[in-house]
Amino acid sequence: MDFRLPSLFGRRDVAAGEDPFTAIRREMDRLFDEMTKSFGLPRTITGEPVLAPRVDVKETEDAIVVQAELPGVEEKDVEIEYADGVLTIRGEKKLEREEEEKDKGYYLMERRYGAFLRRLAMPVEVDENRIEASFDKGVLTITLPKKPETQPKRIQIRTGS
C-alpha cells in the first residue's frame, strides 16, 4: 500500500510498509535541518549556532560605517579584525550570576549567552590604517575610511566657450 503525506512544500511519498508517523518525523527533521543550514551561521564544537549580532552598514562619501548591536556585552569582550576586505566582529556575551541566584528557579530564559561572530565583506577598498571603533550603550560603531582612489570624484562642468 502506498500513502501520500502532506508536507510544508507539497506532497511526499511514503515507502510501502513505512510507518506514516516515522515518515512525518523524517520529513520534519529534514525541513528543520534544511532551514537552519540556510542561515549560514557558524557552529560551536557542540553544534550550537554561534550568535550573529545585528548590524547596520551605511556608506558615506568617504567611509563605510558599521554599527553592531551588542546589548549586555562589555567592550573588553569584543574583538575586531580587518583582513582581505572582510571585517570580523567576534566576542562573547557572558552569563554572570551571583551565587545567591543559583538557588532561584527560572521558568523562562530567553536572553542568549555565548560566542558571537559576524563577518562583513566591504564593497570598496578601505584604508586599514585609519579604521576607528567606539562602543557606547551596547552599540559598537566602526568607521572604515575609503581609500582616496575609491572615493567618488566630483567633476565640474564648464559653461560656454
C-alpha atoms as a PDB file:
ATOM      1  CA  MET A   1       0.000   0.000   0.000  1.00  0.00           C
ATOM      2  CA  ASP A   2       1.299   3.486  -0.833  1.00  0.00           C
ATOM      3  CA  PHE A   3       0.452   6.542   1.281  1.00  0.00           C
ATOM      4  CA  ARG A   4       0.799  10.225   0.406  1.00  0.00           C
ATOM      5  CA  LEU A   5       1.639  12.676   3.196  1.00  0.00           C
ATOM      6  CA  PRO A   6       1.218  16.412   3.084  1.00  0.00           C
ATOM      7  CA  SER A   7       4.323  18.432   3.790  1.00  0.00           C
ATOM      8  CA  LEU A   8       5.016  22.122   4.076  1.00  0.00           C
ATOM      9  CA  PHE A   9       6.159  22.238   0.439  1.00  0.00           C
ATOM     10  CA  GLY A  10       3.723  19.975  -1.369  1.00  0.00           C
ATOM     11  CA  ARG A  11       3.350  16.214  -1.083  1.00  0.00           C
ATOM     12  CA  ARG A  12       5.888  13.499  -0.331  1.00  0.00           C
ATOM     13  CA  ASP A  13       5.715   9.765  -0.939  1.00  0.00           C
ATOM     14  CA  VAL A  14       5.887   7.271   1.920  1.00  0.00           C
ATOM     15  CA  ALA A  15       7.575   3.968   1.136  1.00  0.00           C
ATOM     16  CA  ALA A  16       5.404   0.870   1.176  1.00  0.00           C
ATOM     17  CA  GLY A  17       5.202  -0.583   4.689  1.00  0.00           C
ATOM     18  CA  GLU A  18       6.738   2.510   6.345  1.00  0.00           C
ATOM     19  CA  ASP A  19       5.013   3.876   9.427  1.00  0.00           C
ATOM     20  CA  PRO A  20       3.390   7.208   8.402  1.00  0.00           C
ATOM     21  CA  PHE A  21       4.473   8.847  11.673  1.00  0.00           C
ATOM     22  CA  THR A  22       8.090   7.899  11.051  1.00  0.00           C
ATOM     23  CA  ALA A  23       7.823   9.425   7.585  1.00  0.00           C
ATOM     24  CA  ILE A  24       6.345  12.627   9.001  1.00  0.00           C
ATOM     25  CA  ARG A  25       9.118  12.815  11.618  1.00  0.00           C
ATOM     26  CA  ARG A  26      11.801  12.245   8.967  1.00  0.00           C
ATOM     27  CA  GLU A  27      10.314  14.974   6.777  1.00  0.00           C
ATOM     28  CA  MET A  28      10.075  17.427   9.689  1.00  0.00           C
ATOM     29  CA  ASP A  29      13.696  16.739  10.655  1.00  0.00           C
ATOM     30  CA  ARG A  30      14.809  17.243   7.055  1.00  0.00           C
ATOM     31  CA  LEU A  31      12.920  20.540   6.742  1.00  0.00           C
ATOM     32  CA  PHE A  32      14.279  21.824  10.049  1.00  0.00           C
ATOM     33  CA  ASP A  33      17.859  20.879   9.128  1.00  0.00           C
ATOM     34  CA  GLU A  34      17.465  22.500   5.715  1.00  0.00           C
ATOM     35  CA  MET A  35      16.066  25.667   7.261  1.00  0.00           C
ATOM     36  CA  THR A  36      18.787  26.059   9.914  1.00  0.00           C
ATOM     37  CA  LYS A  37      21.614  25.284   7.488  1.00  0.00           C
ATOM     38  CA  SER A  38      20.337  28.042   5.215  1.00  0.00           C
ATOM     39  CA  PHE A  39      21.027  30.572   7.968  1.00  0.00           C
ATOM     40  CA  GLY A  40      24.719  30.031   7.269  1.00  0.00           C
ATOM     41  CA  LEU A  41      25.676  30.517  10.892  1.00  0.00           C
ATOM     42  CA  PRO A  42      28.941  29.048  12.103  1.00  0.00           C
ATOM     43  CA  ARG A  43      28.655  26.374  14.785  1.00  0.00           C
ATOM     44  CA  THR A  44      30.479  25.767  18.059  1.00  0.00           C
ATOM     45  CA  ILE A  45      32.200  22.441  18.815  1.00  0.00           C
ATOM     46  CA  THR A  46      28.964  21.192  20.404  1.00  0.00           C
ATOM     47  CA  GLY A  47      26.990  22.061  17.265  1.00  0.00           C
ATOM     48  CA  GLU A  48      25.215  25.098  18.722  1.00  0.00           C
ATOM     49  CA  PRO A  49      24.940  28.053  16.357  1.00  0.00           C
ATOM     50  CA  VAL A  50      27.242  30.973  17.084  1.00  0.00           C
ATOM     51  CA  LEU A  51      25.239  34.139  17.705  1.00  0.00           C
ATOM     52  CA  ALA A  52      25.415  36.782  14.974  1.00  0.00           C
ATOM     53  CA  PRO A  53      24.841  40.367  16.140  1.00  0.00           C
ATOM     54  CA  ARG A  54      22.514  42.560  14.111  1.00  0.00           C
ATOM     55  CA  VAL A  55      24.282  45.268  12.141  1.00  0.00           C
ATOM     56  CA  ASP A  56      23.571  48.413  10.156  1.00  0.00           C
ATOM     57  CA  VAL A  57      26.005  49.172   7.330  1.00  0.00           C
ATOM     58  CA  LYS A  58      25.980  52.658   5.837  1.00  0.00           C
ATOM     59  CA  GLU A  59      28.108  54.134   3.077  1.00  0.00           C
ATOM     60  CA  THR A  60      29.006  57.802   3.175  1.00  0.00           C
ATOM     61  CA  GLU A  61      31.058  59.723   0.643  1.00  0.00           C
ATOM     62  CA  ASP A  62      34.330  58.911   2.414  1.00  0.00           C
ATOM     63  CA  ALA A  63      33.688  55.849   4.625  1.00  0.00           C
ATOM     64  CA  ILE A  64      31.720  52.705   5.397  1.00  0.00           C
ATOM     65  CA  VAL A  65      30.125  52.882   8.853  1.00  0.00           C
ATOM     66  CA  VAL A  66      29.127  49.658  10.603  1.00  0.00           C
ATOM     67  CA  GLN A  67      27.035  49.682  13.755  1.00  0.00           C
ATOM     68  CA  ALA A  68      26.609  46.397  15.625  1.00  0.00           C
ATOM     69  CA  GLU A  69      24.015  45.839  18.324  1.00  0.00           C
ATOM     70  CA  LEU A  70      25.747  44.174  21.305  1.00  0.00           C
ATOM     71  CA  PRO A  71      23.475  44.625  24.341  1.00  0.00           C
ATOM     72  CA  GLY A  72      24.871  43.220  27.563  1.00  0.00           C
ATOM     73  CA  VAL A  73      28.371  42.813  26.105  1.00  0.00           C
ATOM     74  CA  GLU A  74      31.355  44.556  27.633  1.00  0.00           C
ATOM     75  CA  GLU A  75      33.887  46.335  25.428  1.00  0.00           C
ATOM     76  CA  LYS A  76      36.698  44.076  26.694  1.00  0.00           C
ATOM     77  CA  ASP A  77      34.817  41.018  25.366  1.00  0.00           C
ATOM     78  CA  VAL A  78      34.760  42.292  21.751  1.00  0.00           C
ATOM     79  CA  GLU A  79      37.469  41.705  19.123  1.00  0.00           C
ATOM     80  CA  ILE A  80      37.563  43.456  15.732  1.00  0.00           C
ATOM     81  CA  GLU A  81      39.712  42.393  12.766  1.00  0.00           C
ATOM     82  CA  TYR A  82      40.012  43.614   9.193  1.00  0.00           C
ATOM     83  CA  ALA A  83      41.804  41.480   6.600  1.00  0.00           C
ATOM     84  CA  ASP A  84      41.449  40.888   2.856  1.00  0.00           C
ATOM     85  CA  GLY A  85      38.436  43.179   2.561  1.00  0.00           C
ATOM     86  CA  VAL A  86      36.462  41.449   5.341  1.00  0.00           C
ATOM     87  CA  LEU A  87      35.525  42.990   8.683  1.00  0.00           C
ATOM     88  CA  THR A  88      35.192  40.443  11.504  1.00  0.00           C
ATOM     89  CA  ILE A  89      33.466  41.208  14.792  1.00  0.00           C
ATOM     90  CA  ARG A  90      33.698  38.457  17.393  1.00  0.00           C
ATOM     91  CA  GLY A  91      33.392  38.071  21.108  1.00  0.00           C
ATOM     92  CA  GLU A  92      31.352  36.587  23.878  1.00  0.00           C
ATOM     93  CA  LYS A  93      28.303  37.579  25.847  1.00  0.00           C
ATOM     94  CA  LYS A  94      28.950  36.129  29.279  1.00  0.00           C
ATOM     95  CA  LEU A  95      26.354  34.866  31.709  1.00  0.00           C
ATOM     96  CA  GLU A  96      27.290  36.286  35.079  1.00  0.00           C
ATOM     97  CA  ARG A  97      25.081  35.482  38.035  1.00  0.00           C
ATOM     98  CA  GLU A  98      25.684  35.984  41.688  1.00  0.00           C
ATOM     99  CA  GLU A  99      25.879  32.879  43.900  1.00  0.00           C
ATOM    100  CA  GLU A 100      22.591  33.689  45.619  1.00  0.00           C
ATOM    101  CA  GLU A 101      20.765  33.444  42.279  1.00  0.00           C
ATOM    102  CA  LYS A 102      21.814  29.818  41.760  1.00  0.00           C
ATOM    103  CA  ASP A 103      19.096  28.614  44.123  1.00  0.00           C
ATOM    104  CA  LYS A 104      16.370  30.617  42.392  1.00  0.00           C
ATOM    105  CA  GLY A 105      14.338  28.671  39.872  1.00  0.00           C
ATOM    106  CA  TYR A 106      13.955  30.113  36.407  1.00  0.00           C
ATOM    107  CA  TYR A 107      10.792  29.354  34.471  1.00  0.00           C
ATOM    108  CA  LEU A 108      11.960  31.001  31.271  1.00  0.00           C
ATOM    109  CA  MET A 109      15.311  32.256  29.994  1.00  0.00           C
ATOM    110  CA  GLU A 110      15.126  33.966  26.599  1.00  0.00           C
ATOM    111  CA  ARG A 111      18.294  36.024  26.781  1.00  0.00           C
ATOM    112  CA  ARG A 112      21.120  34.377  24.864  1.00  0.00           C
ATOM    113  CA  TYR A 113      24.674  33.985  26.006  1.00  0.00           C
ATOM    114  CA  GLY A 114      27.757  32.654  24.313  1.00  0.00           C
ATOM    115  CA  ALA A 115      30.155  33.353  21.473  1.00  0.00           C
ATOM    116  CA  PHE A 116      29.159  35.680  18.650  1.00  0.00           C
ATOM    117  CA  LEU A 117      30.659  36.245  15.226  1.00  0.00           C
ATOM    118  CA  ARG A 118      29.826  38.455  12.279  1.00  0.00           C
ATOM    119  CA  ARG A 119      31.815  38.811   9.054  1.00  0.00           C
ATOM    120  CA  LEU A 120      31.095  41.534   6.523  1.00  0.00           C
ATOM    121  CA  ALA A 121      32.730  41.904   3.111  1.00  0.00           C
ATOM    122  CA  MET A 122      33.395  45.550   2.341  1.00  0.00           C
ATOM    123  CA  PRO A 123      32.124  46.835  -1.031  1.00  0.00           C
ATOM    124  CA  VAL A 124      35.122  49.165  -1.519  1.00  0.00           C
ATOM    125  CA  GLU A 125      38.819  49.287  -0.644  1.00  0.00           C
ATOM    126  CA  VAL A 126      39.384  50.511   2.905  1.00  0.00           C
ATOM    127  CA  ASP A 127      42.301  52.462   4.368  1.00  0.00           C
ATOM    128  CA  GLU A 128      43.204  49.890   7.045  1.00  0.00           C
ATOM    129  CA  ASN A 129      45.450  52.317   8.960  1.00  0.00           C
ATOM    130  CA  ARG A 130      42.591  54.740   9.656  1.00  0.00           C
ATOM    131  CA  ILE A 131      39.876  52.336  10.878  1.00  0.00           C
ATOM    132  CA  GLU A 132      38.284  53.558  14.117  1.00  0.00           C
ATOM    133  CA  ALA A 133      35.906  51.907  16.585  1.00  0.00           C
ATOM    134  CA  SER A 134      33.843  53.160  19.513  1.00  0.00           C
ATOM    135  CA  PHE A 135      31.476  51.437  21.927  1.00  0.00           C
ATOM    136  CA  ASP A 136      28.577  53.226  23.606  1.00  0.00           C
ATOM    137  CA  LYS A 137      25.483  51.833  25.369  1.00  0.00           C
ATOM    138  CA  GLY A 138      25.734  48.406  23.738  1.00  0.00           C
ATOM    139  CA  VAL A 139      26.317  49.731  20.210  1.00  0.00           C
ATOM    140  CA  LEU A 140      29.678  49.166  18.526  1.00  0.00           C
ATOM    141  CA  THR A 141      30.418  51.712  15.773  1.00  0.00           C
ATOM    142  CA  ILE A 142      33.240  51.000  13.327  1.00  0.00           C
ATOM    143  CA  THR A 143      34.256  53.602  10.759  1.00  0.00           C
ATOM    144  CA  LEU A 144      36.195  52.228   7.799  1.00  0.00           C
ATOM    145  CA  PRO A 145      37.559  55.139   5.706  1.00  0.00           C
ATOM    146  CA  LYS A 146      37.639  54.536   1.968  1.00  0.00           C
ATOM    147  CA  LYS A 147      40.950  54.717   0.172  1.00  0.00           C
ATOM    148  CA  PRO A 148      41.167  58.063  -1.655  1.00  0.00           C
ATOM    149  CA  GLU A 149      41.225  56.394  -5.074  1.00  0.00           C
ATOM    150  CA  THR A 150      37.865  54.699  -4.385  1.00  0.00           C
ATOM    151  CA  GLN A 151      36.065  57.868  -3.312  1.00  0.00           C
ATOM    152  CA  PRO A 152      33.785  59.486  -5.879  1.00  0.00           C
ATOM    153  CA  LYS A 153      35.383  62.217  -7.963  1.00  0.00           C
ATOM    154  CA  ARG A 154      33.498  65.466  -8.415  1.00  0.00           C
ATOM    155  CA  ILE A 155      33.686  66.809 -11.934  1.00  0.00           C
ATOM    156  CA  GLN A 156      32.758  70.395 -12.556  1.00  0.00           C
ATOM    157  CA  ILE A 157      31.010  71.208 -15.805  1.00  0.00           C
ATOM    158  CA  ARG A 158      32.407  74.165 -17.700  1.00  0.00           C
ATOM    159  CA  THR A 159      29.853  76.532 -19.118  1.00  0.00           C
ATOM    160  CA  GLY A 160      30.013  78.170 -22.512  1.00  0.00           C
ATOM    161  CA  SER A 161      33.150  78.509 -24.637  1.00  0.00           C
END
